């Protein structure tokens, strides 16, 4: 059978690209491999931090964090430029922060005080937070479990 130019091109694409891709994707099964299901995630206990979480919530809005980040329960926090901050207060759910550093209150504080010192080239701006503002923001962020 002789195929026209366009049809021959489609046939060639299907033969060389689509069929091998379908074969590769067929090797991954949606079934659990050993019949075991993934264990339920355990919430880590809430860390103890200094700072005023209520003031931190207000700072989160007034410093413009809501423009870049989504945060559950925070009016207007629907940004998509930065990551969603849902679960950031639970290292069991989010074990790492930017640049792969462990999710601890001290590291959250380091990050929000001077993002570029933690991850060069980050888009997150330095908001020039004073120590109290940083403590209050951390106290708020760890409530996002």
Protein backbone atom coordinates (compact mmCIF):
# COMPACT_ATOMS: atom_id res chain seq x y z
CA UNK A 1 0.00 0.00 0.00
CA UNK A 2 1.38 3.43 -0.96
CA UNK A 3 0.62 6.31 1.46
CA UNK A 4 0.33 9.98 0.54
CA UNK A 5 3.01 12.39 1.86
CA UNK A 6 1.05 13.67 4.86
CA UNK A 7 -0.38 10.29 5.78
CA UNK A 8 3.04 8.71 5.44
CA UNK A 9 4.42 11.32 7.87
CA UNK A 10 1.72 10.56 10.42
CA UNK A 11 2.31 6.82 10.02
CA UNK A 12 6.04 7.31 10.53
CA UNK A 13 5.44 9.40 13.67
CA UNK A 14 3.08 6.79 15.13
CA UNK A 15 5.53 4.01 14.38
CA UNK A 16 8.65 5.75 15.67
CA UNK A 17 7.28 7.81 18.58
CA UNK A 18 3.82 6.91 19.79
CA UNK A 19 4.14 3.13 19.87
CA UNK A 20 7.43 3.10 21.84
CA UNK A 21 6.06 5.69 24.27
CA UNK A 22 2.93 3.64 24.83
CA UNK A 23 5.06 0.60 25.53
CA UNK A 24 7.11 2.49 28.10
CA UNK A 25 4.11 3.88 29.89
CA UNK A 26 2.53 0.46 30.03
CA UNK A 27 5.33 -0.84 32.25
CA UNK A 28 4.29 1.34 35.17
CA UNK A 29 1.35 -0.17 36.97
CA UNK A 30 -1.11 1.75 39.06
CA UNK A 31 -1.47 -1.31 41.26
CA UNK A 32 0.59 -1.40 44.47
CA UNK A 33 3.59 -3.63 43.69
CA UNK A 34 3.46 -5.90 46.70
CA UNK A 35 -0.19 -5.50 47.60
CA UNK A 36 0.79 -3.05 50.34
CA UNK A 37 -0.73 0.38 50.39
CA UNK A 38 1.22 3.47 51.36
CA UNK A 39 1.08 4.07 55.11
CA UNK A 40 -0.83 7.12 56.26
CA UNK A 41 1.32 10.19 56.84
CA UNK A 42 1.92 10.97 60.47
CA UNK A 43 1.77 14.58 61.55
CA UNK A 44 4.80 15.77 63.44
CA UNK A 45 4.06 17.58 66.69
CA UNK A 46 3.77 21.34 66.30
CA UNK A 47 7.14 22.98 66.96
CA UNK A 48 7.47 25.43 69.82
CA UNK A 49 8.40 28.86 68.56
CA UNK A 50 8.52 32.35 69.93
CA UNK A 51 6.53 34.98 68.18
CA UNK A 52 2.91 36.01 67.79
CA UNK A 53 1.13 33.91 65.16
CA UNK A 54 -1.77 36.37 64.91
CA UNK A 55 0.61 39.23 64.16
CA UNK A 56 2.45 36.93 61.74
CA UNK A 57 -0.82 36.30 59.87
CA UNK A 58 -1.31 40.06 59.53
CA UNK A 59 2.30 40.51 58.38
CA UNK A 60 1.81 37.74 55.82
CA UNK A 61 -0.84 39.92 54.18
CA UNK A 62 0.69 43.36 54.75
CA UNK A 63 4.19 42.39 53.55
CA UNK A 64 2.69 41.09 50.31
CA UNK A 65 3.33 37.37 50.84
CA UNK A 66 -0.24 36.68 49.68
CA UNK A 67 0.61 37.97 46.21
CA UNK A 68 3.02 35.08 45.58
CA UNK A 69 1.88 32.29 47.92
CA UNK A 70 -1.31 30.40 48.55
CA UNK A 71 -1.97 29.72 52.22
CA UNK A 72 -5.00 27.86 53.54
CA UNK A 73 -7.33 29.99 55.62
CA UNK A 74 -5.71 33.29 54.64
CA UNK A 75 -8.00 35.64 52.71
CA UNK A 76 -6.44 36.70 49.44
CA UNK A 77 -3.51 34.29 49.70
CA UNK A 78 -3.96 32.78 46.28
CA UNK A 79 -0.60 33.56 44.67
CA UNK A 80 0.98 31.09 42.31
CA UNK A 81 4.45 32.54 41.75
CA UNK A 82 5.83 30.92 44.91
CA UNK A 83 4.86 27.53 46.29
CA UNK A 84 1.71 26.94 48.27
CA UNK A 85 2.51 27.10 51.95
CA UNK A 86 -0.11 24.56 52.99
CA UNK A 87 1.57 22.00 55.23
CA UNK A 88 4.75 24.01 55.76
CA UNK A 89 4.20 23.83 59.52
CA UNK A 90 4.41 20.03 59.42
CA UNK A 91 7.87 18.67 58.55
CA UNK A 92 6.29 15.23 58.18
CA UNK A 93 4.36 16.55 55.18
CA UNK A 94 7.02 18.95 53.92
CA UNK A 95 10.42 17.73 55.09
CA UNK A 96 12.39 20.26 53.05
CA UNK A 97 12.31 23.95 52.34
CA UNK A 98 13.90 25.83 49.46
CA UNK A 99 17.25 24.54 48.26
CA UNK A 100 16.61 21.25 50.08
CA UNK A 101 17.27 22.50 53.61
CA UNK A 102 15.41 20.70 56.42
CA UNK A 103 12.04 22.16 57.37
CA UNK A 104 12.68 23.57 60.85
CA UNK A 105 11.50 26.83 62.40
CA UNK A 106 15.13 28.07 62.43
CA UNK A 107 15.48 27.36 58.72
CA UNK A 108 12.13 28.97 57.92
CA UNK A 109 13.40 32.03 59.80
CA UNK A 110 16.71 31.98 57.86
CA UNK A 111 14.77 31.75 54.61
CA UNK A 112 12.35 34.60 55.26
CA UNK A 113 15.07 36.87 56.69
CA UNK A 114 17.40 36.53 53.69
CA UNK A 115 16.18 34.19 50.94
CA UNK A 116 19.17 34.73 48.63
CA UNK A 117 21.60 33.61 51.32
CA UNK A 118 19.82 30.24 51.38
CA UNK A 119 19.18 29.86 47.65
CA UNK A 120 21.11 32.02 45.22
CA UNK A 121 18.98 33.36 42.39
CA UNK A 122 15.66 32.89 44.17
CA UNK A 123 12.77 35.08 43.08
CA UNK A 124 11.71 35.59 46.70
CA UNK A 125 12.60 39.12 47.74
CA UNK A 126 14.33 40.13 50.94
CA UNK A 127 11.60 41.98 52.84
CA UNK A 128 14.10 43.41 55.33
CA UNK A 129 12.21 41.92 58.25
CA UNK A 130 13.29 42.84 61.73
CA UNK A 131 13.76 40.03 64.26
CA UNK A 132 10.29 40.39 65.80
CA UNK A 133 8.60 40.34 62.40
CA UNK A 134 10.56 37.24 61.43
CA UNK A 135 9.63 35.51 64.70
CA UNK A 136 5.96 36.41 64.23
CA UNK A 137 5.92 35.18 60.62
CA UNK A 138 7.56 31.91 61.63
CA UNK A 139 5.01 31.50 64.44
CA UNK A 140 2.26 31.93 61.85
CA UNK A 141 3.83 29.71 59.19
CA UNK A 142 4.21 26.77 61.57
CA UNK A 143 0.42 26.87 62.09
CA UNK A 144 -0.06 25.97 58.40
CA UNK A 145 -0.29 22.24 58.94
